[in-house]
Amino acid sequence: MTDKILQLRKLSQQYAYTSIQMHEAVGRKAGLSGTDHKYLGFLLRKGSMTAGELADITGLTTGAVTGLADRFEKKKLLKRQPDKTDRRKIIIVPNADKIRALLQPLYQDFQDDTDRLFASFSASGLKILETYFSKALDMMQHKIDQLNQK
């Protein structure tokens, strides 16, 4: 392994660690844990879903999803409603407006800075970033699937 690859691996690890620290700080400021506030992101992105679907997406147990939904419901960030086709199932419905109102003020400057950073790259530099992120996401999803195999 070359020194440059090792340096990039360390930089990537530092990026991941700093990302965790930032999300914990945002979560604390929002009155949530870092992971709880990221789970709100799943709900915003995917919309309404069953508790089982949220468990599948997050990797949490259904019991942990129940606790998560309890915490979010108490803060009025979601509501539960019965599934119209299967009364054994509960649909988790995010309150997208309330979630955005809670988190956007904590993230807007970071999002603006990220947009400016991306805008500072050339078209070919952006293509390299896109390739890296796409391939890294594929690798992470493969590892997640591998670890979650029964």
N, C-alpha and C. Protein backbone atom coordinates (compact mmCIF):
# COMPACT_ATOMS: atom_id res chain seq x y z
N MET A 1 0.85 -1.18 0.00
CA MET A 1 0.00 0.00 0.00
C MET A 1 0.90 1.24 0.00
N THR A 2 0.56 2.18 -0.85
CA THR A 2 1.38 3.38 -0.94
C THR A 2 1.07 4.32 0.22
N ASP A 3 2.01 5.23 0.47
CA ASP A 3 1.80 6.23 1.53
C ASP A 3 0.58 7.09 1.24
N LYS A 4 0.33 7.40 -0.03
CA LYS A 4 -0.80 8.25 -0.39
C LYS A 4 -2.13 7.54 -0.09
N ILE A 5 -2.21 6.26 -0.39
CA ILE A 5 -3.44 5.50 -0.10
C ILE A 5 -3.65 5.42 1.40
N LEU A 6 -2.59 5.18 2.15
CA LEU A 6 -2.69 5.14 3.61
C LEU A 6 -3.14 6.49 4.16
N GLN A 7 -2.59 7.57 3.61
CA GLN A 7 -2.98 8.92 4.03
C GLN A 7 -4.46 9.18 3.73
N LEU A 8 -4.93 8.75 2.56
CA LEU A 8 -6.33 8.93 2.20
C LEU A 8 -7.24 8.09 3.10
N ARG A 9 -6.81 6.87 3.44
CA ARG A 9 -7.60 6.03 4.34
C ARG A 9 -7.75 6.71 5.70
N LYS A 10 -6.64 7.26 6.20
CA LYS A 10 -6.70 7.96 7.50
C LYS A 10 -7.60 9.19 7.42
N LEU A 11 -7.52 9.91 6.32
CA LEU A 11 -8.37 11.09 6.13
C LEU A 11 -9.84 10.68 6.06
N SER A 12 -10.14 9.58 5.39
CA SER A 12 -11.50 9.07 5.30
C SER A 12 -12.01 8.66 6.68
N GLN A 13 -11.16 8.01 7.47
CA GLN A 13 -11.55 7.63 8.83
C GLN A 13 -11.82 8.87 9.67
N GLN A 14 -10.96 9.88 9.56
CA GLN A 14 -11.16 11.12 10.31
C GLN A 14 -12.46 11.80 9.90
N TYR A 15 -12.77 11.75 8.60
CA TYR A 15 -14.03 12.30 8.10
C TYR A 15 -15.21 11.60 8.77
N ALA A 16 -15.15 10.29 8.83
CA ALA A 16 -16.24 9.51 9.45
C ALA A 16 -16.36 9.85 10.93
N TYR A 17 -15.25 9.91 11.64
CA TYR A 17 -15.29 10.23 13.07
C TYR A 17 -15.83 11.64 13.32
N THR A 18 -15.38 12.59 12.52
CA THR A 18 -15.83 13.98 12.68
C THR A 18 -17.31 14.10 12.33
N SER A 19 -17.75 13.33 11.35
CA SER A 19 -19.17 13.32 10.99
C SER A 19 -20.00 12.85 12.18
N ILE A 20 -19.55 11.81 12.85
CA ILE A 20 -20.26 11.31 14.04
C ILE A 20 -20.31 12.40 15.10
N GLN A 21 -19.18 13.07 15.33
CA GLN A 21 -19.14 14.13 16.34
C GLN A 21 -20.10 15.27 15.99
N MET A 22 -20.13 15.65 14.70
CA MET A 22 -21.02 16.72 14.29
C MET A 22 -22.49 16.32 14.47
N HIS A 23 -22.82 15.10 14.09
CA HIS A 23 -24.21 14.66 14.22
C HIS A 23 -24.62 14.52 15.68
N GLU A 24 -23.72 14.14 16.54
CA GLU A 24 -24.01 14.11 17.97
C GLU A 24 -24.27 15.53 18.48
N ALA A 25 -23.45 16.48 18.04
CA ALA A 25 -23.64 17.88 18.47
C ALA A 25 -24.97 18.43 17.96
N VAL A 26 -25.31 18.16 16.71
CA VAL A 26 -26.59 18.61 16.16
C VAL A 26 -27.73 17.95 16.94
N GLY A 27 -27.61 16.65 17.16
CA GLY A 27 -28.63 15.93 17.91
C GLY A 27 -28.86 16.52 19.29
N ARG A 28 -27.76 16.77 20.01
CA ARG A 28 -27.87 17.36 21.36
C ARG A 28 -28.59 18.71 21.31
N LYS A 29 -28.22 19.53 20.33
CA LYS A 29 -28.83 20.86 20.20
C LYS A 29 -30.32 20.74 19.90
N ALA A 30 -30.70 19.67 19.20
CA ALA A 30 -32.11 19.45 18.87
C ALA A 30 -32.85 18.68 19.96
N GLY A 31 -32.14 18.32 21.03
CA GLY A 31 -32.77 17.56 22.11
C GLY A 31 -32.89 16.08 21.82
N LEU A 32 -32.02 15.58 20.94
CA LEU A 32 -32.03 14.18 20.53
C LEU A 32 -30.62 13.62 20.64
N SER A 33 -30.50 12.32 20.48
CA SER A 33 -29.16 11.75 20.33
C SER A 33 -28.73 11.91 18.89
N GLY A 34 -27.45 11.74 18.63
CA GLY A 34 -26.96 11.85 17.26
C GLY A 34 -27.60 10.82 16.34
N THR A 35 -27.74 9.60 16.84
CA THR A 35 -28.35 8.58 15.99
C THR A 35 -29.84 8.83 15.81
N ASP A 36 -30.53 9.25 16.86
CA ASP A 36 -31.96 9.53 16.71
C ASP A 36 -32.20 10.59 15.65
N HIS A 37 -31.39 11.62 15.65
CA HIS A 37 -31.65 12.67 14.66
C HIS A 37 -31.35 12.17 13.24
N LYS A 38 -30.44 11.24 13.09
CA LYS A 38 -30.18 10.67 11.77
C LYS A 38 -31.33 9.77 11.34
N TYR A 39 -31.96 9.07 12.30
CA TYR A 39 -33.12 8.25 11.96
C TYR A 39 -34.27 9.13 11.46
N LEU A 40 -34.35 10.35 11.93
CA LEU A 40 -35.35 11.28 11.39
C LEU A 40 -35.09 11.51 9.90
N GLY A 41 -33.82 11.52 9.53
CA GLY A 41 -33.47 11.66 8.12
C GLY A 41 -34.02 10.51 7.27
N PHE A 42 -33.96 9.28 7.80
CA PHE A 42 -34.56 8.15 7.09
C PHE A 42 -36.05 8.40 6.87
N LEU A 43 -36.72 8.87 7.92
CA LEU A 43 -38.16 9.12 7.83
C LEU A 43 -38.47 10.24 6.84
N LEU A 44 -37.66 11.29 6.83
CA LEU A 44 -37.88 12.37 5.87
C LEU A 44 -37.69 11.88 4.44
N ARG A 45 -36.65 11.09 4.24
CA ARG A 45 -36.31 10.64 2.90
C ARG A 45 -37.31 9.60 2.38
N LYS A 46 -37.71 8.68 3.25
CA LYS A 46 -38.56 7.57 2.81
C LYS A 46 -40.06 7.83 3.02
N GLY A 47 -40.41 8.72 3.95
CA GLY A 47 -41.81 8.98 4.22
C GLY A 47 -42.42 7.93 5.14
N SER A 48 -43.72 7.84 5.11
CA SER A 48 -44.45 6.91 5.97
C SER A 48 -44.04 5.47 5.68
N MET A 49 -43.96 4.69 6.75
CA MET A 49 -43.58 3.28 6.63
C MET A 49 -44.02 2.54 7.88
N THR A 50 -44.00 1.22 7.79
CA THR A 50 -44.31 0.42 8.97
C THR A 50 -43.10 0.41 9.89
N ALA A 51 -43.35 0.04 11.13
CA ALA A 51 -42.24 -0.09 12.09
C ALA A 51 -41.25 -1.14 11.60
N GLY A 52 -41.76 -2.21 11.01
CA GLY A 52 -40.89 -3.26 10.47
C GLY A 52 -40.00 -2.75 9.35
N GLU A 53 -40.56 -1.92 8.50
CA GLU A 53 -39.76 -1.34 7.42
C GLU A 53 -38.67 -0.43 7.98
N LEU A 54 -39.01 0.36 9.00
CA LEU A 54 -38.00 1.21 9.62
C LEU A 54 -36.92 0.37 10.27
N ALA A 55 -37.30 -0.74 10.88
CA ALA A 55 -36.32 -1.66 11.48
C ALA A 55 -35.39 -2.21 10.40
N ASP A 56 -35.95 -2.60 9.25
CA ASP A 56 -35.13 -3.12 8.15
C ASP A 56 -34.15 -2.07 7.63
N ILE A 57 -34.62 -0.85 7.46
CA ILE A 57 -33.78 0.22 6.91
C ILE A 57 -32.66 0.59 7.87
N THR A 58 -32.98 0.69 9.16
CA THR A 58 -32.01 1.16 10.14
C THR A 58 -31.13 0.06 10.70
N GLY A 59 -31.60 -1.18 10.63
CA GLY A 59 -30.87 -2.27 11.26
C GLY A 59 -31.22 -2.42 12.73
N LEU A 60 -32.16 -1.61 13.21
CA LEU A 60 -32.58 -1.71 14.61
C LEU A 60 -33.53 -2.89 14.78
N THR A 61 -33.63 -3.38 16.00
CA THR A 61 -34.65 -4.38 16.30
C THR A 61 -36.01 -3.70 16.30
N THR A 62 -37.07 -4.48 16.19
CA THR A 62 -38.40 -3.89 16.23
C THR A 62 -38.67 -3.26 17.60
N GLY A 63 -38.09 -3.86 18.65
CA GLY A 63 -38.24 -3.26 19.99
C GLY A 63 -37.57 -1.91 20.07
N ALA A 64 -36.38 -1.79 19.48
CA ALA A 64 -35.69 -0.50 19.48
C ALA A 64 -36.45 0.53 18.65
N VAL A 65 -37.07 0.09 17.56
CA VAL A 65 -37.87 1.00 16.74
C VAL A 65 -39.07 1.49 17.54
N THR A 66 -39.66 0.62 18.35
CA THR A 66 -40.78 1.04 19.20
C THR A 66 -40.34 2.15 20.14
N GLY A 67 -39.18 1.99 20.77
CA GLY A 67 -38.65 3.02 21.66
C GLY A 67 -38.35 4.31 20.92
N LEU A 68 -37.79 4.18 19.73
CA LEU A 68 -37.50 5.34 18.89
C LEU A 68 -38.80 6.08 18.54
N ALA A 69 -39.80 5.33 18.11
CA ALA A 69 -41.09 5.94 17.76
C ALA A 69 -41.73 6.59 18.98
N ASP A 70 -41.59 5.96 20.15
CA ASP A 70 -42.12 6.56 21.38
C ASP A 70 -41.48 7.93 21.64
N ARG A 71 -40.14 7.98 21.50
CA ARG A 71 -39.43 9.25 21.75
C ARG A 71 -39.85 10.32 20.74
N PHE A 72 -39.96 9.93 19.47
CA PHE A 72 -40.33 10.88 18.43
C PHE A 72 -41.79 11.33 18.57
N GLU A 73 -42.64 10.41 18.95
CA GLU A 73 -44.06 10.75 19.11
C GLU A 73 -44.24 11.72 20.27
N LYS A 74 -43.48 11.53 21.33
CA LYS A 74 -43.56 12.43 22.48
C LYS A 74 -43.18 13.85 22.08
N LYS A 75 -42.26 13.98 21.13
CA LYS A 75 -41.83 15.30 20.64
C LYS A 75 -42.66 15.78 19.45
N LYS A 76 -43.70 14.99 19.12
CA LYS A 76 -44.61 15.31 18.01
C LYS A 76 -43.90 15.36 16.66
N LEU A 77 -42.85 14.54 16.52
CA LEU A 77 -42.11 14.45 15.27
C LEU A 77 -42.68 13.37 14.34
N LEU A 78 -43.55 12.55 14.88
CA LEU A 78 -44.26 11.56 14.09
C LEU A 78 -45.54 11.18 14.79
N LYS A 79 -46.38 10.50 14.04
CA LYS A 79 -47.57 9.91 14.65
C LYS A 79 -47.69 8.49 14.12
N ARG A 80 -48.38 7.69 14.89
CA ARG A 80 -48.64 6.31 14.49
C ARG A 80 -50.09 6.22 14.04
N GLN A 81 -50.31 5.46 12.99
CA GLN A 81 -51.68 5.20 12.58
C GLN A 81 -51.79 3.75 12.12
N PRO A 82 -52.95 3.16 12.34
CA PRO A 82 -53.12 1.76 11.95
C PRO A 82 -53.06 1.60 10.43
N ASP A 83 -52.51 0.50 9.99
CA ASP A 83 -52.48 0.16 8.58
C ASP A 83 -53.92 -0.19 8.17
N LYS A 84 -54.38 0.42 7.09
CA LYS A 84 -55.76 0.20 6.66
C LYS A 84 -56.00 -1.22 6.14
N THR A 85 -54.94 -1.87 5.66
CA THR A 85 -55.10 -3.20 5.08
C THR A 85 -54.74 -4.33 6.05
N ASP A 86 -53.99 -4.01 7.10
CA ASP A 86 -53.57 -5.04 8.05
C ASP A 86 -53.53 -4.41 9.44
N ARG A 87 -54.55 -4.66 10.22
CA ARG A 87 -54.67 -3.96 11.50
C ARG A 87 -53.60 -4.37 12.51
N ARG A 88 -52.81 -5.40 12.20
CA ARG A 88 -51.70 -5.77 13.09
C ARG A 88 -50.51 -4.82 12.91
N LYS A 89 -50.49 -4.11 11.80
CA LYS A 89 -49.38 -3.22 11.48
C LYS A 89 -49.70 -1.79 11.86
N ILE A 90 -48.64 -1.08 12.23
CA ILE A 90 -48.74 0.34 12.53
C ILE A 90 -47.88 1.10 11.52
N ILE A 91 -48.44 2.16 10.98
CA ILE A 91 -47.70 3.01 10.05
C ILE A 91 -47.13 4.18 10.85
N ILE A 92 -45.84 4.43 10.64
CA ILE A 92 -45.17 5.57 11.25
C ILE A 92 -45.20 6.70 10.23
N VAL A 93 -45.80 7.80 10.62
CA VAL A 93 -45.99 8.94 9.71
C VAL A 93 -45.17 10.11 10.24
N PRO A 94 -44.08 10.46 9.54
CA PRO A 94 -43.26 11.59 10.03
C PRO A 94 -43.98 12.91 9.86
N ASN A 95 -43.75 13.81 10.81
CA ASN A 95 -44.24 15.18 10.70
C ASN A 95 -43.09 15.97 10.05
N ALA A 96 -43.05 15.92 8.72
CA ALA A 96 -41.92 16.48 7.97
C ALA A 96 -41.70 17.96 8.28
N ASP A 97 -42.78 18.73 8.38
CA ASP A 97 -42.62 20.17 8.65
C ASP A 97 -41.96 20.39 10.00
N LYS A 98 -42.40 19.67 11.01
CA LYS A 98 -41.84 19.83 12.35
C LYS A 98 -40.38 19.35 12.40
N ILE A 99 -40.09 18.26 11.71
CA ILE A 99 -38.71 17.75 11.67
C ILE A 99 -37.80 18.78 11.01
N ARG A 100 -38.23 19.29 9.87
CA ARG A 100 -37.42 20.30 9.16
C ARG A 100 -37.25 21.56 10.01
N ALA A 101 -38.31 21.99 10.67
CA ALA A 101 -38.23 23.19 11.51
C ALA A 101 -37.25 22.98 12.67
N LEU A 102 -37.15 21.76 13.15
CA LEU A 102 -36.23 21.45 14.23
C LEU A 102 -34.78 21.40 13.75
N LEU A 103 -34.55 20.74 12.61
CA LEU A 103 -33.18 20.46 12.18
C LEU A 103 -32.59 21.47 11.20
N GLN A 104 -33.41 22.07 10.35
CA GLN A 104 -32.86 22.96 9.32
C GLN A 104 -32.05 24.12 9.89
N PRO A 105 -32.51 24.79 10.96
CA PRO A 105 -31.69 25.89 11.49
C PRO A 105 -30.31 25.41 11.99
N LEU A 106 -30.22 24.16 12.37
CA LEU A 106 -28.95 23.63 12.87
C LEU A 106 -28.03 23.20 11.74
N TYR A 107 -28.57 22.99 10.55
CA TYR A 107 -27.81 22.49 9.41
C TYR A 107 -27.63 23.48 8.28
N GLN A 108 -28.43 24.52 8.20
CA GLN A 108 -28.46 25.35 7.00
C GLN A 108 -27.08 25.90 6.64
N ASP A 109 -26.34 26.40 7.62
CA ASP A 109 -25.01 26.94 7.31
C ASP A 109 -24.07 25.86 6.80
N PHE A 110 -24.16 24.66 7.37
CA PHE A 110 -23.32 23.54 6.91
C PHE A 110 -23.69 23.16 5.48
N GLN A 111 -25.00 23.12 5.18
CA GLN A 111 -25.43 22.80 3.82
C GLN A 111 -24.95 23.87 2.84
N ASP A 112 -25.04 25.13 3.23
CA ASP A 112 -24.57 26.21 2.37
C ASP A 112 -23.06 26.10 2.14
N ASP A 113 -22.31 25.82 3.20
CA ASP A 113 -20.86 25.66 3.07
C ASP A 113 -20.52 24.47 2.17
N THR A 114 -21.28 23.38 2.30
CA THR A 114 -21.04 22.20 1.46
C THR A 114 -21.33 22.53 0.00
N ASP A 115 -22.40 23.26 -0.25
CA ASP A 115 -22.71 23.67 -1.63
C ASP A 115 -21.57 24.52 -2.20
N ARG A 116 -21.06 25.45 -1.41
CA ARG A 116 -19.96 26.30 -1.88
C ARG A 116 -18.70 25.45 -2.13
N LEU A 117 -18.45 24.49 -1.26
CA LEU A 117 -17.29 23.62 -1.44
C LEU A 117 -17.41 22.85 -2.75
N PHE A 118 -18.57 22.22 -2.99
CA PHE A 118 -18.76 21.49 -4.24
C PHE A 118 -18.63 22.42 -5.45
N ALA A 119 -19.16 23.62 -5.33
CA ALA A 119 -19.08 24.58 -6.44
C ALA A 119 -17.65 25.00 -6.75
N SER A 120 -16.74 24.81 -5.80
CA SER A 120 -15.34 25.20 -6.01
C SER A 120 -14.57 24.18 -6.85
N PHE A 121 -15.18 23.01 -7.12
CA PHE A 121 -14.51 21.98 -7.92
C PHE A 121 -14.86 22.15 -9.39
N SER A 122 -13.94 21.73 -10.23
CA SER A 122 -14.21 21.72 -11.67
C SER A 122 -15.20 20.59 -11.98
N ALA A 123 -15.70 20.58 -13.20
CA ALA A 123 -16.62 19.52 -13.61
C ALA A 123 -15.96 18.15 -13.48
N SER A 124 -14.70 18.05 -13.84
CA SER A 124 -14.02 16.75 -13.73
C SER A 124 -13.78 16.38 -12.26
N GLY A 125 -13.51 17.39 -11.43
CA GLY A 125 -13.36 17.13 -10.00
C GLY A 125 -14.65 16.65 -9.38
N LEU A 126 -15.78 17.24 -9.79
CA LEU A 126 -17.09 16.81 -9.30
C LEU A 126 -17.39 15.38 -9.73
N LYS A 127 -16.98 15.02 -10.95
CA LYS A 127 -17.20 13.65 -11.43
C LYS A 127 -16.40 12.66 -10.58
N ILE A 128 -15.19 13.03 -10.20
CA ILE A 128 -14.37 12.17 -9.34
C ILE A 128 -15.05 12.00 -7.98
N LEU A 129 -15.54 13.10 -7.42
CA LEU A 129 -16.25 13.02 -6.13
C LEU A 129 -17.49 12.14 -6.24
N GLU A 130 -18.23 12.32 -7.33
CA GLU A 130 -19.44 11.51 -7.53
C GLU A 130 -19.08 10.03 -7.63
N THR A 131 -18.04 9.73 -8.35
CA THR A 131 -17.60 8.34 -8.49
C THR A 131 -17.17 7.78 -7.15
N TYR A 132 -16.39 8.54 -6.40
CA TYR A 132 -15.94 8.08 -5.08
C TYR A 132 -17.13 7.80 -4.16
N PHE A 133 -18.02 8.78 -4.03
CA PHE A 133 -19.15 8.60 -3.12
C PHE A 133 -20.04 7.43 -3.56
N SER A 134 -20.31 7.31 -4.86
CA SER A 134 -21.16 6.20 -5.34
C SER A 134 -20.52 4.85 -5.04
N LYS A 135 -19.24 4.73 -5.33
CA LYS A 135 -18.57 3.44 -5.09
C LYS A 135 -18.40 3.17 -3.60
N ALA A 136 -18.13 4.20 -2.82
CA ALA A 136 -18.00 4.02 -1.37
C ALA A 136 -19.33 3.59 -0.77
N LEU A 137 -20.44 4.20 -1.23
CA LEU A 137 -21.77 3.81 -0.76
C LEU A 137 -22.07 2.36 -1.12
N ASP A 138 -21.72 1.96 -2.33
CA ASP A 138 -21.93 0.56 -2.74
C ASP A 138 -21.13 -0.39 -1.85
N MET A 139 -19.89 -0.02 -1.55
CA MET A 139 -19.05 -0.86 -0.69
C MET A 139 -19.64 -0.96 0.72
N MET A 140 -20.12 0.17 1.25
CA MET A 140 -20.71 0.16 2.58
C MET A 140 -21.98 -0.68 2.60
N GLN A 141 -22.82 -0.54 1.57
CA GLN A 141 -24.05 -1.32 1.52
C GLN A 141 -23.73 -2.81 1.44
N HIS A 142 -22.72 -3.15 0.68
CA HIS A 142 -22.29 -4.56 0.59
C HIS A 142 -21.86 -5.07 1.97
N LYS A 143 -21.10 -4.26 2.69
CA LYS A 143 -20.64 -4.66 4.03
C LYS A 143 -21.83 -4.79 4.99
N ILE A 144 -22.77 -3.85 4.92
CA ILE A 144 -23.96 -3.92 5.75
C ILE A 144 -24.71 -5.23 5.46
N ASP A 145 -24.93 -5.51 4.18
CA ASP A 145 -25.65 -6.74 3.80
C ASP A 145 -24.90 -7.98 4.28
N GLN A 146 -23.60 -7.96 4.12
CA GLN A 146 -22.78 -9.09 4.55
C GLN A 146 -22.89 -9.30 6.06
N LEU A 147 -22.80 -8.23 6.84
CA LEU A 147 -22.88 -8.35 8.29
C LEU A 147 -24.27 -8.73 8.76
N ASN A 148 -25.29 -8.33 8.02
CA ASN A 148 -26.67 -8.60 8.43
C ASN A 148 -27.19 -9.97 7.97
N GLN A 149 -26.39 -10.69 7.20
CA GLN A 149 -26.82 -12.02 6.76
C GLN A 149 -26.99 -12.91 7.98
N LYS A 150 -28.04 -13.66 7.97
CA LYS A 150 -28.35 -14.55 9.10
C LYS A 150 -27.58 -15.83 8.98
